Amino acid sequence: MQQANDNNLKFRKVVGEIFKEVRENHVDSSLNNFARSYGLDRGNLSKIERGIIGCQLATAWKISEACGIKLSEVIKLAEDRLGETFKLIDE
């Protein structure tokens, strides 16, 4: 069970890092401006980018669209960073 929790945290951190990198490098917008421009809660977006909380699929899609990247590209980047052996489910 502990491994599943550790993997969940690792997954959240990697996805958050990707969103932050895309926002900073491609959109070139501060967290506050980005959140305000796209109707996102600044506090939650900050927590998502730091991996403190996960986000629902609809929120991930909205952030992806705002960054000008497909959600499938974000997922592919996460898969690449996490590696083929990474699993969210304890087997």
PDB file of N, CA and C in Angstrom:
ATOM      1  N   MET A   1       0.817  -1.189   0.000  1.00  0.00           N
ATOM      2  CA  MET A   1       0.000   0.000   0.000  1.00  0.00           C
ATOM      3  C   MET A   1       0.863   1.256   0.000  1.00  0.00           C
ATOM      4  N   GLN A   2       1.971   1.226   0.749  1.00  0.00           N
ATOM      5  CA  GLN A   2       2.851   2.392   0.821  1.00  0.00           C
ATOM      6  C   GLN A   2       3.428   2.727  -0.546  1.00  0.00           C
ATOM      7  N   GLN A   3       3.768   1.700  -1.326  1.00  0.00           N
ATOM      8  CA  GLN A   3       4.326   1.938  -2.654  1.00  0.00           C
ATOM      9  C   GLN A   3       3.312   2.653  -3.530  1.00  0.00           C
ATOM     10  N   ALA A   4       2.039   2.304  -3.427  1.00  0.00           N
ATOM     11  CA  ALA A   4       1.006   2.967  -4.207  1.00  0.00           C
ATOM     12  C   ALA A   4       0.929   4.441  -3.843  1.00  0.00           C
ATOM     13  N   ASN A   5       1.016   4.763  -2.550  1.00  0.00           N
ATOM     14  CA  ASN A   5       1.005   6.157  -2.117  1.00  0.00           C
ATOM     15  C   ASN A   5       2.232   6.901  -2.627  1.00  0.00           C
ATOM     16  N   ASP A   6       3.397   6.254  -2.552  1.00  0.00           N
ATOM     17  CA  ASP A   6       4.626   6.873  -3.051  1.00  0.00           C
ATOM     18  C   ASP A   6       4.544   7.116  -4.556  1.00  0.00           C
ATOM     19  N   ASN A   7       3.999   6.158  -5.277  1.00  0.00           N
ATOM     20  CA  ASN A   7       3.863   6.301  -6.727  1.00  0.00           C
ATOM     21  C   ASN A   7       2.858   7.386  -7.092  1.00  0.00           C
ATOM     22  N   ASN A   8       1.790   7.504  -6.314  1.00  0.00           N
ATOM     23  CA  ASN A   8       0.808   8.553  -6.556  1.00  0.00           C
ATOM     24  C   ASN A   8       1.459   9.921  -6.385  1.00  0.00           C
ATOM     25  N   LEU A   9       2.252  10.069  -5.338  1.00  0.00           N
ATOM     26  CA  LEU A   9       2.956  11.327  -5.101  1.00  0.00           C
ATOM     27  C   LEU A   9       3.939  11.611  -6.238  1.00  0.00           C
ATOM     28  N   LYS A  10       4.677  10.606  -6.645  1.00  0.00           N
ATOM     29  CA  LYS A  10       5.639  10.765  -7.741  1.00  0.00           C
ATOM     30  C   LYS A  10       4.925  11.188  -9.020  1.00  0.00           C
ATOM     31  N   PHE A  11       3.780  10.558  -9.314  1.00  0.00           N
ATOM     32  CA  PHE A  11       3.000  10.898 -10.494  1.00  0.00           C
ATOM     33  C   PHE A  11       2.541  12.362 -10.441  1.00  0.00           C
ATOM     34  N   ARG A  12       1.989  12.773  -9.291  1.00  0.00           N
ATOM     35  CA  ARG A  12       1.517  14.158  -9.140  1.00  0.00           C
ATOM     36  C   ARG A  12       2.657  15.150  -9.333  1.00  0.00           C
ATOM     37  N   LYS A  13       3.821  14.834  -8.777  1.00  0.00           N
ATOM     38  CA  LYS A  13       4.972  15.733  -8.905  1.00  0.00           C
ATOM     39  C   LYS A  13       5.427  15.866 -10.355  1.00  0.00           C
ATOM     40  N   VAL A  14       5.488  14.761 -11.066  1.00  0.00           N
ATOM     41  CA  VAL A  14       5.934  14.791 -12.461  1.00  0.00           C
ATOM     42  C   VAL A  14       4.942  15.567 -13.318  1.00  0.00           C
ATOM     43  N   VAL A  15       3.663  15.316 -13.164  1.00  0.00           N
ATOM     44  CA  VAL A  15       2.655  16.037 -13.952  1.00  0.00           C
ATOM     45  C   VAL A  15       2.694  17.528 -13.611  1.00  0.00           C
ATOM     46  N   GLY A  16       2.818  17.850 -12.333  1.00  0.00           N
ATOM     47  CA  GLY A  16       2.903  19.248 -11.929  1.00  0.00           C
ATOM     48  C   GLY A  16       4.117  19.944 -12.520  1.00  0.00           C
ATOM     49  N   GLU A  17       5.257  19.267 -12.516  1.00  0.00           N
ATOM     50  CA  GLU A  17       6.475  19.830 -13.106  1.00  0.00           C
ATOM     51  C   GLU A  17       6.287  20.095 -14.595  1.00  0.00           C
ATOM     52  N   ILE A  18       5.627  19.188 -15.269  1.00  0.00           N
ATOM     53  CA  ILE A  18       5.391  19.358 -16.703  1.00  0.00           C
ATOM     54  C   ILE A  18       4.511  20.579 -16.949  1.00  0.00           C
ATOM     55  N   PHE A  19       3.415  20.702 -16.205  1.00  0.00           N
ATOM     56  CA  PHE A  19       2.545  21.862 -16.375  1.00  0.00           C
ATOM     57  C   PHE A  19       3.309  23.159 -16.109  1.00  0.00           C
ATOM     58  N   LYS A  20       4.120  23.176 -15.067  1.00  0.00           N
ATOM     59  CA  LYS A  20       4.880  24.383 -14.732  1.00  0.00           C
ATOM     60  C   LYS A  20       5.878  24.721 -15.838  1.00  0.00           C
ATOM     61  N   GLU A  21       6.615  23.719 -16.314  1.00  0.00           N
ATOM     62  CA  GLU A  21       7.593  23.949 -17.380  1.00  0.00           C
ATOM     63  C   GLU A  21       6.933  24.474 -18.646  1.00  0.00           C
ATOM     64  N   VAL A  22       5.822  23.874 -19.023  1.00  0.00           N
ATOM     65  CA  VAL A  22       5.124  24.318 -20.236  1.00  0.00           C
ATOM     66  C   VAL A  22       4.620  25.744 -20.057  1.00  0.00           C
ATOM     67  N   ARG A  23       4.041  26.018 -18.896  1.00  0.00           N
ATOM     68  CA  ARG A  23       3.529  27.375 -18.644  1.00  0.00           C
ATOM     69  C   ARG A  23       4.665  28.394 -18.703  1.00  0.00           C
ATOM     70  N   GLU A  24       5.770  28.112 -18.062  1.00  0.00           N
ATOM     71  CA  GLU A  24       6.873  29.067 -18.010  1.00  0.00           C
ATOM     72  C   GLU A  24       7.620  29.185 -19.340  1.00  0.00           C
ATOM     73  N   ASN A  25       7.823  28.068 -20.031  1.00  0.00           N
ATOM     74  CA  ASN A  25       8.638  28.082 -21.247  1.00  0.00           C
ATOM     75  C   ASN A  25       7.866  28.393 -22.521  1.00  0.00           C
ATOM     76  N   HIS A  26       6.611  27.988 -22.586  1.00  0.00           N
ATOM     77  CA  HIS A  26       5.865  28.158 -23.828  1.00  0.00           C
ATOM     78  C   HIS A  26       4.852  29.293 -23.751  1.00  0.00           C
ATOM     79  N   VAL A  27       4.247  29.462 -22.608  1.00  0.00           N
ATOM     80  CA  VAL A  27       3.248  30.514 -22.458  1.00  0.00           C
ATOM     81  C   VAL A  27       3.911  31.780 -21.915  1.00  0.00           C
ATOM     82  N   ASP A  28       5.021  31.615 -21.172  1.00  0.00           N
ATOM     83  CA  ASP A  28       5.768  32.722 -20.574  1.00  0.00           C
ATOM     84  C   ASP A  28       4.843  33.627 -19.773  1.00  0.00           C
ATOM     85  N   SER A  29       4.141  33.018 -18.859  1.00  0.00           N
ATOM     86  CA  SER A  29       3.186  33.747 -18.042  1.00  0.00           C
ATOM     87  C   SER A  29       3.399  33.400 -16.575  1.00  0.00           C
ATOM     88  N   SER A  30       3.258  34.403 -15.726  1.00  0.00           N
ATOM     89  CA  SER A  30       3.362  34.143 -14.294  1.00  0.00           C
ATOM     90  C   SER A  30       2.173  33.298 -13.853  1.00  0.00           C
ATOM     91  N   LEU A  31       2.330  32.652 -12.739  1.00  0.00           N
ATOM     92  CA  LEU A  31       1.255  31.826 -12.202  1.00  0.00           C
ATOM     93  C   LEU A  31      -0.016  32.660 -12.012  1.00  0.00           C
ATOM     94  N   ASN A  32       0.130  33.842 -11.427  1.00  0.00           N
ATOM     95  CA  ASN A  32      -1.036  34.694 -11.183  1.00  0.00           C
ATOM     96  C   ASN A  32      -1.731  35.102 -12.476  1.00  0.00           C
ATOM     97  N   ASN A  33      -0.968  35.575 -13.441  1.00  0.00           N
ATOM     98  CA  ASN A  33      -1.565  36.004 -14.717  1.00  0.00           C
ATOM     99  C   ASN A  33      -2.206  34.833 -15.454  1.00  0.00           C
ATOM    100  N   PHE A  34      -1.527  33.714 -15.452  1.00  0.00           N
ATOM    101  CA  PHE A  34      -2.040  32.530 -16.140  1.00  0.00           C
ATOM    102  C   PHE A  34      -3.356  32.081 -15.520  1.00  0.00           C
ATOM    103  N   ALA A  35      -3.373  31.975 -14.198  1.00  0.00           N
ATOM    104  CA  ALA A  35      -4.590  31.536 -13.506  1.00  0.00           C
ATOM    105  C   ALA A  35      -5.743  32.499 -13.766  1.00  0.00           C
ATOM    106  N   ARG A  36      -5.470  33.770 -13.662  1.00  0.00           N
ATOM    107  CA  ARG A  36      -6.515  34.775 -13.880  1.00  0.00           C
ATOM    108  C   ARG A  36      -7.023  34.740 -15.323  1.00  0.00           C
ATOM    109  N   SER A  37      -6.127  34.631 -16.281  1.00  0.00           N
ATOM    110  CA  SER A  37      -6.507  34.642 -17.699  1.00  0.00           C
ATOM    111  C   SER A  37      -7.377  33.458 -18.093  1.00  0.00           C
ATOM    112  N   TYR A  38      -7.185  32.332 -17.443  1.00  0.00           N
ATOM    113  CA  TYR A  38      -7.885  31.121 -17.851  1.00  0.00           C
ATOM    114  C   TYR A  38      -8.897  30.626 -16.817  1.00  0.00           C
ATOM    115  N   GLY A  39      -9.207  31.461 -15.851  1.00  0.00           N
ATOM    116  CA  GLY A  39     -10.246  31.114 -14.883  1.00  0.00           C
ATOM    117  C   GLY A  39      -9.883  29.963 -13.965  1.00  0.00           C
ATOM    118  N   LEU A  40      -8.608  29.862 -13.629  1.00  0.00           N
ATOM    119  CA  LEU A  40      -8.137  28.817 -12.730  1.00  0.00           C
ATOM    120  C   LEU A  40      -7.868  29.426 -11.358  1.00  0.00           C
ATOM    121  N   ASP A  41      -8.053  28.650 -10.323  1.00  0.00           N
ATOM    122  CA  ASP A  41      -7.744  29.106  -8.981  1.00  0.00           C
ATOM    123  C   ASP A  41      -6.226  29.107  -8.799  1.00  0.00           C
ATOM    124  N   ARG A  42      -5.661  30.267  -8.468  1.00  0.00           N
ATOM    125  CA  ARG A  42      -4.221  30.407  -8.352  1.00  0.00           C
ATOM    126  C   ARG A  42      -3.633  29.464  -7.305  1.00  0.00           C
ATOM    127  N   GLY A  43      -4.296  29.360  -6.164  1.00  0.00           N
ATOM    128  CA  GLY A  43      -3.798  28.489  -5.100  1.00  0.00           C
ATOM    129  C   GLY A  43      -3.776  27.028  -5.512  1.00  0.00           C
ATOM    130  N   ASN A  44      -4.846  26.579  -6.145  1.00  0.00           N
ATOM    131  CA  ASN A  44      -4.892  25.182  -6.596  1.00  0.00           C
ATOM    132  C   ASN A  44      -3.870  24.923  -7.701  1.00  0.00           C
ATOM    133  N   LEU A  45      -3.736  25.874  -8.632  1.00  0.00           N
ATOM    134  CA  LEU A  45      -2.757  25.699  -9.701  1.00  0.00           C
ATOM    135  C   LEU A  45      -1.342  25.600  -9.123  1.00  0.00           C
ATOM    136  N   SER A  46      -1.048  26.417  -8.146  1.00  0.00           N
ATOM    137  CA  SER A  46       0.253  26.353  -7.492  1.00  0.00           C
ATOM    138  C   SER A  46       0.467  24.991  -6.846  1.00  0.00           C
ATOM    139  N   LYS A  47      -0.552  24.477  -6.172  1.00  0.00           N
ATOM    140  CA  LYS A  47      -0.442  23.157  -5.533  1.00  0.00           C
ATOM    141  C   LYS A  47      -0.305  22.044  -6.564  1.00  0.00           C
ATOM    142  N   ILE A  48      -0.987  22.169  -7.685  1.00  0.00           N
ATOM    143  CA  ILE A  48      -0.874  21.171  -8.755  1.00  0.00           C
ATOM    144  C   ILE A  48       0.550  21.181  -9.303  1.00  0.00           C
ATOM    145  N   GLU A  49       1.086  22.365  -9.587  1.00  0.00           N
ATOM    146  CA  GLU A  49       2.433  22.467 -10.152  1.00  0.00           C
ATOM    147  C   GLU A  49       3.510  21.953  -9.190  1.00  0.00           C
ATOM    148  N   ARG A  50       3.259  22.036  -7.889  1.00  0.00           N
ATOM    149  CA  ARG A  50       4.225  21.539  -6.898  1.00  0.00           C
ATOM    150  C   ARG A  50       3.975  20.086  -6.524  1.00  0.00           C
ATOM    151  N   GLY A  51       2.933  19.477  -7.079  1.00  0.00           N
ATOM    152  CA  GLY A  51       2.646  18.070  -6.809  1.00  0.00           C
ATOM    153  C   GLY A  51       1.994  17.837  -5.462  1.00  0.00           C
ATOM    154  N   ILE A  52       1.511  18.878  -4.827  1.00  0.00           N
ATOM    155  CA  ILE A  52       0.871  18.737  -3.520  1.00  0.00           C
ATOM    156  C   ILE A  52      -0.504  18.101  -3.668  1.00  0.00           C
ATOM    157  N   ILE A  53      -1.212  18.503  -4.719  1.00  0.00           N
ATOM    158  CA  ILE A  53      -2.508  17.896  -5.009  1.00  0.00           C
ATOM    159  C   ILE A  53      -2.523  17.433  -6.455  1.00  0.00           C
ATOM    160  N   GLY A  54      -3.364  16.470  -6.742  1.00  0.00           N
ATOM    161  CA  GLY A  54      -3.593  16.052  -8.106  1.00  0.00           C
ATOM    162  C   GLY A  54      -4.712  16.904  -8.684  1.00  0.00           C
ATOM    163  N   CYS A  55      -5.015  16.690  -9.929  1.00  0.00           N
ATOM    164  CA  CYS A  55      -6.118  17.445 -10.518  1.00  0.00           C
ATOM    165  C   CYS A  55      -7.036  16.501 -11.279  1.00  0.00           C
ATOM    166  N   GLN A  56      -8.269  16.921 -11.378  1.00  0.00           N
ATOM    167  CA  GLN A  56      -9.237  16.132 -12.123  1.00  0.00           C
ATOM    168  C   GLN A  56      -8.911  16.222 -13.611  1.00  0.00           C
ATOM    169  N   LEU A  57      -9.425  15.284 -14.355  1.00  0.00           N
ATOM    170  CA  LEU A  57      -9.168  15.225 -15.788  1.00  0.00           C
ATOM    171  C   LEU A  57      -9.582  16.518 -16.482  1.00  0.00           C
ATOM    172  N   ALA A  58     -10.737  17.060 -16.127  1.00  0.00           N
ATOM    173  CA  ALA A  58     -11.213  18.293 -16.762  1.00  0.00           C
ATOM    174  C   ALA A  58     -10.262  19.454 -16.482  1.00  0.00           C
ATOM    175  N   THR A  59      -9.724  19.523 -15.279  1.00  0.00           N
ATOM    176  CA  THR A  59      -8.779  20.584 -14.931  1.00  0.00           C
ATOM    177  C   THR A  59      -7.476  20.401 -15.695  1.00  0.00           C
ATOM    178  N   ALA A  60      -6.991  19.170 -15.782  1.00  0.00           N
ATOM    179  CA  ALA A  60      -5.767  18.889 -16.537  1.00  0.00           C
ATOM    180  C   ALA A  60      -5.949  19.277 -17.998  1.00  0.00           C
ATOM    181  N   TRP A  61      -7.109  18.985 -18.553  1.00  0.00           N
ATOM    182  CA  TRP A  61      -7.398  19.325 -19.946  1.00  0.00           C
ATOM    183  C   TRP A  61      -7.396  20.839 -20.116  1.00  0.00           C
ATOM    184  N   LYS A  62      -8.020  21.547 -19.173  1.00  0.00           N
ATOM    185  CA  LYS A  62      -8.096  23.015 -19.237  1.00  0.00           C
ATOM    186  C   LYS A  62      -6.699  23.632 -19.159  1.00  0.00           C
ATOM    187  N   ILE A  63      -5.868  23.141 -18.248  1.00  0.00           N
ATOM    188  CA  ILE A  63      -4.507  23.662 -18.128  1.00  0.00           C
ATOM    189  C   ILE A  63      -3.730  23.390 -19.413  1.00  0.00           C
ATOM    190  N   SER A  64      -3.875  22.199 -19.955  1.00  0.00           N
ATOM    191  CA  SER A  64      -3.194  21.832 -21.197  1.00  0.00           C
ATOM    192  C   SER A  64      -3.596  22.760 -22.337  1.00  0.00           C
ATOM    193  N   GLU A  65      -4.896  22.962 -22.496  1.00  0.00           N
ATOM    194  CA  GLU A  65      -5.383  23.853 -23.555  1.00  0.00           C
ATOM    195  C   GLU A  65      -4.839  25.261 -23.377  1.00  0.00           C
ATOM    196  N   ALA A  66      -4.837  25.749 -22.141  1.00  0.00           N
ATOM    197  CA  ALA A  66      -4.341  27.094 -21.864  1.00  0.00           C
ATOM    198  C   ALA A  66      -2.849  27.216 -22.190  1.00  0.00           C
ATOM    199  N   CYS A  67      -2.122  26.121 -22.041  1.00  0.00           N
ATOM    200  CA  CYS A  67      -0.687  26.097 -22.347  1.00  0.00           C
ATOM    201  C   CYS A  67      -0.417  25.856 -23.826  1.00  0.00           C
ATOM    202  N   GLY A  68      -1.457  25.540 -24.578  1.00  0.00           N
ATOM    203  CA  GLY A  68      -1.280  25.286 -26.002  1.00  0.00           C
ATOM    204  C   GLY A  68      -0.683  23.933 -26.308  1.00  0.00           C
ATOM    205  N   ILE A  69      -0.935  22.970 -25.446  1.00  0.00           N
ATOM    206  CA  ILE A  69      -0.413  21.619 -25.630  1.00  0.00           C
ATOM    207  C   ILE A  69      -1.559  20.629 -25.421  1.00  0.00           C
ATOM    208  N   LYS A  70      -1.560  19.551 -26.182  1.00  0.00           N
ATOM    209  CA  LYS A  70      -2.593  18.536 -26.011  1.00  0.00           C
ATOM    210  C   LYS A  70      -2.363  17.784 -24.708  1.00  0.00           C
ATOM    211  N   LEU A  71      -3.444  17.409 -24.058  1.00  0.00           N
ATOM    212  CA  LEU A  71      -3.329  16.626 -22.834  1.00  0.00           C
ATOM    213  C   LEU A  71      -2.587  15.325 -23.106  1.00  0.00           C
ATOM    214  N   SER A  72      -2.795  14.746 -24.278  1.00  0.00           N
ATOM    215  CA  SER A  72      -2.093  13.504 -24.617  1.00  0.00           C
ATOM    216  C   SER A  72      -0.577  13.716 -24.659  1.00  0.00           C
ATOM    217  N   GLU A  73      -0.135  14.918 -25.018  1.00  0.00           N
ATOM    218  CA  GLU A  73       1.296  15.219 -25.015  1.00  0.00           C
ATOM    219  C   GLU A  73       1.819  15.299 -23.579  1.00  0.00           C
ATOM    220  N   VAL A  74       1.024  15.878 -22.683  1.00  0.00           N
ATOM    221  CA  VAL A  74       1.407  15.940 -21.278  1.00  0.00           C
ATOM    222  C   VAL A  74       1.542  14.529 -20.725  1.00  0.00           C
ATOM    223  N   ILE A  75       0.588  13.679 -21.051  1.00  0.00           N
ATOM    224  CA  ILE A  75       0.615  12.295 -20.584  1.00  0.00           C
ATOM    225  C   ILE A  75       1.838  11.567 -21.147  1.00  0.00           C
ATOM    226  N   LYS A  76       2.138  11.794 -22.406  1.00  0.00           N
ATOM    227  CA  LYS A  76       3.311  11.158 -23.022  1.00  0.00           C
ATOM    228  C   LYS A  76       4.598  11.615 -22.326  1.00  0.00           C
ATOM    229  N   LEU A  77       4.693  12.910 -22.033  1.00  0.00           N
ATOM    230  CA  LEU A  77       5.865  13.415 -21.312  1.00  0.00           C
ATOM    231  C   LEU A  77       5.973  12.763 -19.937  1.00  0.00           C
ATOM    232  N   ALA A  78       4.842  12.628 -19.248  1.00  0.00           N
ATOM    233  CA  ALA A  78       4.839  11.990 -17.932  1.00  0.00           C
ATOM    234  C   ALA A  78       5.266  10.527 -18.044  1.00  0.00           C
ATOM    235  N   GLU A  79       4.751   9.825 -19.039  1.00  0.00           N
ATOM    236  CA  GLU A  79       5.141   8.426 -19.242  1.00  0.00           C
ATOM    237  C   GLU A  79       6.645   8.312 -19.487  1.00  0.00           C
ATOM    238  N   ASP A  80       7.183   9.209 -20.292  1.00  0.00           N
ATOM    239  CA  ASP A  80       8.614   9.178 -20.589  1.00  0.00           C
ATOM    240  C   ASP A  80       9.448   9.418 -19.334  1.00  0.00           C
ATOM    241  N   ARG A  81       9.031  10.368 -18.517  1.00  0.00           N
ATOM    242  CA  ARG A  81       9.788  10.705 -17.310  1.00  0.00           C
ATOM    243  C   ARG A  81       9.671   9.627 -16.238  1.00  0.00           C
ATOM    244  N   LEU A  82       8.516   8.999 -16.159  1.00  0.00           N
ATOM    245  CA  LEU A  82       8.292   7.998 -15.117  1.00  0.00           C
ATOM    246  C   LEU A  82       8.883   6.638 -15.480  1.00  0.00           C
ATOM    247  N   GLY A  83       9.034   6.364 -16.751  1.00  0.00           N
ATOM    248  CA  GLY A  83       9.619   5.102 -17.200  1.00  0.00           C
ATOM    249  C   GLY A  83       8.586   4.007 -17.374  1.00  0.00           C
ATOM    250  N   GLU A  84       8.973   3.008 -18.116  1.00  0.00           N
ATOM    251  CA  GLU A  84       8.058   1.926 -18.469  1.00  0.00           C
ATOM    252  C   GLU A  84       7.640   1.068 -17.283  1.00  0.00           C
ATOM    253  N   THR A  85       8.440   1.021 -16.255  1.00  0.00           N
ATOM    254  CA  THR A  85       8.129   0.152 -15.118  1.00  0.00           C
ATOM    255  C   THR A  85       7.229   0.830 -14.078  1.00  0.00           C
ATOM    256  N   PHE A  86       6.966   2.122 -14.248  1.00  0.00           N
ATOM    257  CA  PHE A  86       6.153   2.851 -13.277  1.00  0.00           C
ATOM    258  C   PHE A  86       4.703   2.380 -13.316  1.00  0.00           C
ATOM    259  N   LYS A  87       4.121   2.162 -12.142  1.00  0.00           N
ATOM    260  CA  LYS A  87       2.715   1.763 -12.020  1.00  0.00           C
ATOM    261  C   LYS A  87       2.093   2.518 -10.860  1.00  0.00           C
ATOM    262  N   LEU A  88       0.827   2.913 -11.021  1.00  0.00           N
ATOM    263  CA  LEU A  88       0.086   3.545  -9.940  1.00  0.00           C
ATOM    264  C   LEU A  88      -0.608   2.504  -9.061  1.00  0.00           C
ATOM    265  N   ILE A  89      -0.729   1.287  -9.569  1.00  0.00           N
ATOM    266  CA  ILE A  89      -1.451   0.228  -8.873  1.00  0.00           C
ATOM    267  C   ILE A  89      -0.454  -0.755  -8.285  1.00  0.00           C
ATOM    268  N   ASP A  90      -0.660  -1.095  -7.016  1.00  0.00           N
ATOM    269  CA  ASP A  90       0.108  -2.156  -6.388  1.00  0.00           C
ATOM    270  C   ASP A  90      -0.368  -3.485  -6.935  1.00  0.00           C
ATOM    271  N   GLU A  91       0.550  -4.296  -7.388  1.00  0.00           N
ATOM    272  CA  GLU A  91       0.143  -5.606  -7.930  1.00  0.00           C
ATOM    273  C   GLU A  91       0.579  -6.713  -7.007  1.00  0.00           C
TER     274      GLU A  91
END
